[in-house]
Protein backbone atom coordinates (compact mmCIF):
# COMPACT_ATOMS: atom_id res chain seq x y z
CA MET A 1 -32.75 -18.05 -28.48
CA LYS A 2 -30.72 -19.94 -25.84
CA ILE A 3 -27.53 -18.31 -27.15
CA ILE A 4 -29.09 -14.83 -26.93
CA LYS A 5 -30.29 -15.49 -23.37
CA PHE A 6 -26.86 -16.81 -22.37
CA THR A 7 -25.16 -13.74 -23.89
CA LEU A 8 -27.48 -11.38 -21.99
CA ILE A 9 -26.97 -13.25 -18.73
CA PHE A 10 -23.20 -13.34 -19.23
CA SER A 11 -23.12 -9.60 -20.00
CA LEU A 12 -25.18 -8.90 -16.88
CA PHE A 13 -22.80 -11.08 -14.85
CA LEU A 14 -19.78 -9.15 -16.16
CA GLY A 15 -21.51 -5.87 -15.28
CA ILE A 16 -22.13 -7.07 -11.73
CA LEU A 17 -18.49 -8.16 -11.43
CA SER A 18 -17.34 -4.75 -12.68
CA CYS A 19 -19.55 -2.88 -10.20
CA THR A 20 -18.37 -5.17 -7.39
CA ALA A 21 -14.72 -4.57 -8.35
CA GLN A 22 -15.25 -0.82 -8.36
CA LYS A 23 -16.98 -0.99 -4.98
CA ASN A 24 -14.12 -3.08 -3.57
CA ILE A 25 -11.57 -0.56 -4.85
CA GLN A 26 -13.46 2.34 -3.29
CA ASN A 27 -13.56 0.48 0.02
CA SER A 28 -9.83 -0.24 -0.14
CA LYS A 29 -7.05 1.87 1.35
CA THR A 30 -4.52 1.11 -1.40
CA ASN A 31 -4.72 0.56 -5.14
CA ALA A 32 -2.36 -0.02 -8.07
CA GLU A 33 -3.31 -0.16 -11.71
CA ILE A 34 -2.07 -0.06 -15.28
CA SER A 35 -4.55 0.84 -18.01
CA VAL A 36 -4.00 0.59 -21.78
CA LYS A 37 -6.00 1.46 -24.85
CA GLU A 38 -7.58 -1.11 -27.11
CA GLY A 39 -9.66 -0.83 -30.25
CA GLY A 40 -7.64 2.01 -31.77
CA LYS A 41 -4.50 2.05 -33.90
CA TRP A 42 -0.94 3.30 -33.94
CA ASN A 43 -0.04 6.24 -36.16
CA GLU A 44 3.75 6.26 -36.01
CA ARG A 45 4.43 6.74 -32.25
CA LYS A 46 0.96 7.97 -31.26
CA TYR A 47 -2.06 5.82 -30.46
CA GLU A 48 -5.31 7.09 -31.92
CA GLY A 49 -8.84 6.17 -30.85
CA GLY A 50 -9.72 3.25 -28.63
CA THR A 51 -10.79 3.01 -25.01
CA PHE A 52 -8.87 2.28 -21.83
CA LYS A 53 -8.90 -1.14 -20.19
CA ASN A 54 -7.22 -2.09 -16.93
CA VAL A 55 -4.79 -5.00 -17.18
CA GLN A 56 -2.81 -6.95 -14.61
CA SER A 57 0.41 -6.90 -16.63
CA LEU A 58 1.81 -5.25 -19.72
CA GLU A 59 4.78 -5.58 -22.04
CA LEU A 60 5.50 -2.14 -23.45
CA ASP A 61 4.88 -1.66 -27.16
CA PRO A 62 8.18 -0.77 -28.91
CA ARG A 63 6.45 2.27 -30.43
CA HIS A 64 5.57 3.69 -27.01
CA THR A 65 7.28 6.92 -25.95
CA ASP A 66 6.31 9.99 -23.93
CA HIS A 67 2.80 11.22 -24.77
CA SER A 68 1.91 8.26 -26.97
CA PHE A 69 -1.61 8.28 -25.44
CA ASP A 70 -1.78 4.48 -25.26
CA ILE A 71 -1.41 4.21 -21.47
CA ARG A 72 -3.66 6.06 -19.04
CA PHE A 73 -1.69 8.65 -17.05
CA GLU A 74 1.40 7.47 -19.00
CA GLY A 75 2.26 4.45 -16.88
CA PRO A 76 1.38 2.51 -13.74
CA GLY A 77 -0.23 4.33 -10.82
CA TRP A 78 -0.39 3.42 -7.15
CA GLU A 79 -2.07 5.09 -4.20
CA SER A 80 -2.98 4.94 -0.55
CA ASN A 81 -5.81 6.78 1.16
CA LYS A 82 -3.29 9.63 1.66
CA ILE A 83 -1.51 10.21 -1.67
CA ALA A 84 -1.09 8.81 -5.20
CA TYR A 85 1.89 8.39 -7.51
CA ARG A 86 2.46 7.48 -11.15
CA LEU A 87 5.54 6.46 -13.11
CA TYR A 88 6.22 7.58 -16.67
CA LEU A 89 6.77 4.19 -18.31
CA ASP A 90 9.03 5.52 -21.05
CA TRP A 91 12.56 6.90 -21.51
CA ARG A 92 12.00 9.42 -18.68
CA ASN A 93 11.27 6.85 -15.93
CA ALA A 94 10.20 9.73 -13.66
CA ILE A 95 7.70 9.52 -10.79
CA ASP A 96 4.96 12.15 -10.47
CA ILE A 97 2.50 12.91 -7.66
CA PHE A 98 -1.28 13.10 -7.59
CA GLY A 99 -2.32 15.16 -4.57
CA LYS A 100 -5.61 13.98 -3.07
CA THR A 101 -8.34 15.97 -1.36
CA THR A 102 -10.16 12.75 -0.43
CA ASP A 103 -9.28 9.53 1.34
CA LYS A 104 -11.06 7.50 -1.36
CA MET A 105 -9.29 5.68 -4.20
CA ILE A 106 -9.07 8.05 -7.16
CA LEU A 107 -6.95 6.30 -9.81
CA PRO A 108 -9.91 4.48 -11.44
CA ILE A 109 -11.34 7.85 -12.54
CA VAL A 110 -8.11 9.70 -13.40
CA GLY A 111 -7.24 10.34 -17.04
CA LEU A 112 -10.22 8.63 -18.61
CA ASP A 113 -10.80 11.72 -20.77
CA GLY A 114 -7.16 12.26 -21.67
CA PHE A 115 -4.01 13.75 -20.19
CA GLU A 116 -5.13 17.33 -19.69
CA SER A 117 -7.89 17.10 -17.07
CA TYR A 118 -5.71 15.87 -14.21
CA HIS A 119 -3.39 18.86 -14.59
CA MET A 120 -6.28 21.03 -13.42
CA LYS A 121 -7.99 20.95 -10.04
CA GLN A 122 -10.60 18.21 -9.79
CA ASP A 123 -12.96 17.16 -7.00
CA TRP A 124 -10.46 14.46 -6.01
CA GLY A 125 -7.31 16.64 -6.27
CA SER A 126 -4.80 17.03 -9.11
CA ASP A 127 -1.40 16.31 -10.55
CA ILE A 128 0.69 18.54 -8.27
CA LEU A 129 4.32 18.13 -9.38
CA LYS A 130 6.10 19.64 -12.35
CA VAL A 131 8.72 17.01 -13.17
CA GLY A 132 10.27 18.74 -16.19
CA LYS A 133 13.67 17.17 -16.99
CA GLY A 134 14.04 15.80 -13.48
CA GLN A 135 13.35 12.49 -11.78
CA GLY A 136 10.28 13.68 -9.94
CA ILE A 137 10.51 11.83 -6.65
CA GLY A 138 12.14 8.48 -5.91
CA SER A 139 12.64 7.22 -9.46
CA ILE A 140 15.79 5.57 -10.83
CA LEU A 141 18.22 6.98 -13.39
CA ARG A 142 21.99 6.97 -13.86
CA TYR A 143 24.27 9.93 -13.11
CA GLN A 144 27.71 10.17 -14.70
CA ASN A 145 29.96 13.20 -15.31
CA ASN A 146 27.19 15.61 -14.24
CA GLU A 147 24.88 14.12 -16.85
CA MET A 148 21.58 12.30 -16.33
CA LEU A 149 21.33 9.08 -18.34
CA TYR A 150 17.76 8.02 -19.10
CA PHE A 151 16.05 4.84 -20.31
CA LYS A 152 16.43 5.70 -23.98
CA LYS A 153 17.81 2.29 -25.02
CA VAL A 154 15.95 -0.68 -23.55
CA GLU A 155 15.34 -4.06 -25.20
CA LYS A 156 12.11 -4.82 -23.36
CA THR A 157 10.05 -3.19 -20.60
CA SER A 158 7.29 -4.97 -18.68
CA VAL A 159 5.13 -4.08 -15.68
CA ASN A 160 2.60 -5.80 -13.47
CA VAL A 161 0.45 -4.71 -10.51
CA GLU A 162 -0.73 -6.52 -7.39
CA ASN A 163 -3.46 -5.55 -4.91
CA SER A 164 -4.29 -7.01 -1.51
CA ALA A 165 -5.77 -5.80 1.76
CA LYS A 166 -2.27 -5.22 3.17
CA LYS A 167 -0.66 -3.30 0.30
CA SER A 168 -0.54 -2.53 -3.42
CA VAL A 169 2.52 -3.22 -5.56
CA VAL A 170 3.94 -2.17 -8.92
CA ASN A 171 6.72 -4.33 -10.41
CA ILE A 172 8.74 -3.00 -13.35
CA ASN A 173 11.32 -4.97 -15.31
CA TYR A 174 13.77 -3.35 -17.69
CA LYS A 175 15.69 -5.85 -19.83
CA GLY A 176 18.77 -4.65 -21.65
CA TRP A 177 19.02 -1.06 -20.38
CA GLU A 178 21.96 0.48 -22.19
CA THR A 179 23.93 3.51 -20.93
CA LEU A 180 27.49 4.42 -21.91
CA ASN A 181 29.29 1.07 -22.34
CA ASP A 182 27.06 -0.85 -19.93
CA LYS A 183 24.03 -3.00 -20.60
CA ILE A 184 22.07 -4.31 -17.61
CA ASP A 185 18.69 -5.59 -16.49
CA LEU A 186 16.96 -3.65 -13.73
CA THR A 187 13.94 -4.55 -11.61
CA THR A 188 11.98 -2.10 -9.47
CA LYS A 189 9.38 -3.00 -6.86
CA LEU A 190 7.17 -0.19 -5.52
CA GLU A 191 4.95 -0.93 -2.49
CA ILE A 192 2.37 1.33 -0.84
CA PHE A 193 0.48 0.67 2.40
CA PRO A 194 -2.81 1.73 4.03
CA ASN A 195 -2.77 5.02 5.97
CA GLU A 196 0.77 5.85 4.79
CA ARG A 197 2.23 8.40 2.39
CA PHE A 198 5.45 6.55 1.67
CA THR A 199 6.35 4.14 -1.10
CA LYS A 200 8.88 1.42 -0.32
CA ALA A 201 11.21 0.95 -3.31
CA THR A 202 13.43 -2.07 -3.98
CA VAL A 203 15.74 -1.79 -6.98
CA THR A 204 17.93 -4.67 -8.19
CA PRO A 205 20.56 -4.21 -10.95
CA SER A 206 21.90 -7.29 -12.75
CA LYS A 207 25.37 -5.74 -12.97
CA ALA A 208 27.31 -3.55 -10.54
CA ILE A 209 27.70 -0.22 -12.32
CA SER A 210 28.44 3.25 -10.97
CA GLY A 211 25.94 6.10 -10.89
CA ILE A 212 22.60 4.37 -10.23
CA CYS A 213 20.69 7.07 -8.37
CA THR A 214 17.40 8.38 -7.06
CA GLY A 215 16.42 11.83 -5.85
CA ILE A 216 14.05 14.76 -5.66
CA VAL A 217 13.45 17.20 -8.50
CA LYS A 218 14.48 20.80 -7.90
CA VAL A 219 11.25 22.66 -8.47
CA LYS A 220 12.46 25.85 -6.78
CA GLU A 221 15.56 27.00 -4.93
CA LEU A 222 14.35 25.61 -1.64
CA GLU A 223 16.52 24.55 1.27
CA LEU A 224 17.64 20.92 1.06
CA LEU A 225 16.71 19.34 4.38
CA LYS A 226 19.06 16.56 5.50
CA LYS A 227 19.37 14.38 8.56
CA THR A 228 22.04 11.72 8.88
CA SER A 229 24.40 10.27 11.45
CA THR A 230 27.33 7.89 11.17
CA ASN A 231 25.81 5.95 14.06
CA GLN A 232 22.47 5.42 12.31
CA LYS A 233 21.45 3.05 9.53
CA TRP A 234 19.05 5.42 7.74
CA ALA A 235 19.03 9.07 6.69
CA TYR A 236 16.93 11.35 4.51
CA ILE A 237 16.95 14.30 2.14
CA ALA A 238 13.85 16.46 1.73
CA THR A 239 12.43 19.73 0.47
CA TYR A 240 9.41 21.70 1.64
CA GLY A 241 7.67 24.84 0.40
CA ASP A 242 5.36 26.28 -2.24
CA GLN A 243 6.59 23.88 -4.91
CA SER A 244 3.34 22.28 -6.06
CA MET A 245 1.83 23.04 -9.47
CA PHE A 246 -0.51 25.44 -7.65
CA GLN A 247 2.19 27.24 -5.62
CA ASP A 248 1.04 25.75 -2.35
CA ASN A 249 3.03 23.76 0.19
CA LEU A 250 4.36 20.37 -0.80
CA GLY A 251 6.94 18.28 1.03
CA MET A 252 9.02 15.58 -0.65
CA ALA A 253 11.52 13.22 0.97
CA VAL A 254 13.66 10.17 0.23
CA PHE A 255 14.93 7.91 3.04
CA TYR A 256 18.05 5.86 2.26
CA GLN A 257 20.30 3.30 3.92
CA THR A 258 23.60 5.05 4.63
CA SER A 259 25.62 1.89 3.92
CA SER A 260 24.27 1.66 0.36
CA VAL A 261 25.12 5.22 -0.72
CA GLU A 262 28.24 6.42 -2.52
CA ASN A 263 27.49 10.11 -2.14
CA LEU A 264 24.88 12.85 -2.30
CA ALA A 265 25.14 14.97 -5.44
CA ASP A 266 23.78 18.24 -6.76
CA GLY A 267 22.52 17.11 -10.16
CA PRO A 268 21.50 19.36 -13.04
CA PHE A 269 17.78 18.93 -12.26
CA ASP A 270 17.61 16.98 -8.99
CA HIS A 271 18.98 16.55 -5.50
CA LEU A 272 20.57 13.13 -5.96
CA ILE A 273 21.34 10.08 -3.86
CA VAL A 274 23.96 8.03 -5.72
CA PHE A 275 24.20 4.37 -4.77
CA LYS A 276 27.32 2.23 -4.59
CA PRO A 277 27.76 -0.25 -7.46
CA THR A 278 26.01 -3.49 -6.49
CA THR A 279 23.95 -6.42 -7.69
CA GLN A 280 22.20 -6.69 -4.32
CA PRO A 281 18.72 -5.19 -3.81
CA ILE A 282 18.78 -1.48 -2.98
CA HIS A 283 16.09 -0.42 -0.50
CA TYR A 284 14.79 3.10 0.04
CA TYR A 285 11.55 4.96 0.77
CA PHE A 286 10.07 8.12 -0.71
CA LEU A 287 7.03 10.17 0.22
CA ALA A 288 5.13 13.35 -0.52
CA ALA A 289 2.87 15.40 1.76
CA TRP A 290 0.54 18.01 0.25
CA VAL A 291 -1.03 20.79 2.28
CA ASN A 292 -4.50 20.15 0.81
CA GLU A 293 -4.80 16.54 1.93
CA PRO A 294 -7.58 15.90 4.45
CA ASN A 295 -5.90 16.69 7.80
CA GLY A 296 -2.70 17.35 5.86
CA ILE A 297 0.68 18.61 7.02
CA LYS A 298 0.52 22.40 6.86
CA THR A 299 3.99 23.72 7.74
CA LYS A 300 7.68 22.99 7.32
CA GLU A 301 7.98 22.39 11.07
CA GLU A 302 5.21 19.79 10.98
CA PHE A 303 6.83 18.11 7.97
CA VAL A 304 10.27 17.88 9.60
CA LYS A 305 8.69 16.47 12.78
CA TYR A 306 6.87 13.88 10.67
CA LEU A 307 10.08 12.92 8.85
CA ASN A 308 12.05 12.60 12.06
CA GLU A 309 9.40 10.30 13.51
CA LYS A 310 9.60 8.09 10.42
CA LEU A 311 13.40 8.13 10.58
CA SER A 312 13.34 6.98 14.20
CA VAL A 313 11.12 4.05 13.24
CA LEU A 314 13.49 3.08 10.41
CA ASN A 315 16.58 3.27 12.57
CA ALA A 316 14.90 1.18 15.25
CA ASN A 317 13.29 -1.46 13.02
CA ASN A 318 15.02 -1.14 9.62
CA LYS A 319 11.55 -0.72 8.10
CA MET A 320 8.59 1.62 8.42
């Protein structure tokens, strides 16, 4: 009888903790999470059955690939009260955008019923970017001889998330990433802050190789917006127009340190920023602004003004 009572009390305690955690998330202005299935089974490279459970860290199952259905929204997600992002934690390594129509945290309710619902308009917003074969926004790949080299050969991939009142963080570690004749380790740190759209990215390669790049996917033939100066430390590339999944206005931008960049390139699927070979941390920022956000940016002129204000802050302080 004592065991039964203890079990009931312990279950009630866990329920209270869960409700408190959910309340704390909803009262937060940033959130990062990674959610995996348990209680099901692998059938070749697909995971069948089971339910999702949030975890603090994860080492990727070797069977995992795109659309394996074992990770909720296919990888880690992070958000502010303005916008949300997710990274495809597989060979694509692309970053997608969840547009939000609310300033509340939405990731805890996204994708619980599978991958299809968030591609349609929901009360909270929707997936708004068609990544296709591109990088999405702000992700890392390698570009050599007009060819995009993906994360198809990796010994081990791990990820962990951190949440605090000041920011939320996603850390990704690729061990033994093999492209052409090179094999390196690569770490990526993605930080998001309250009341901001941007993600601060810090990428560190273990070996100095050519072609490490980031960029913006070419959804449509839109004008590539650029602002740079030899006298300034930071610059940006951006696009703006009806390039969301719903043919409404979406702006995307990447800010980069001019001293770290080899060149800008017109890739097969993306507008690319190609970094110089290095083993030092590479710092850059990326952001998206969707017209349907609460009090969102509505026009190209507003978006450019917003970007120029952020650029001025970077050039003055070396950080946003």
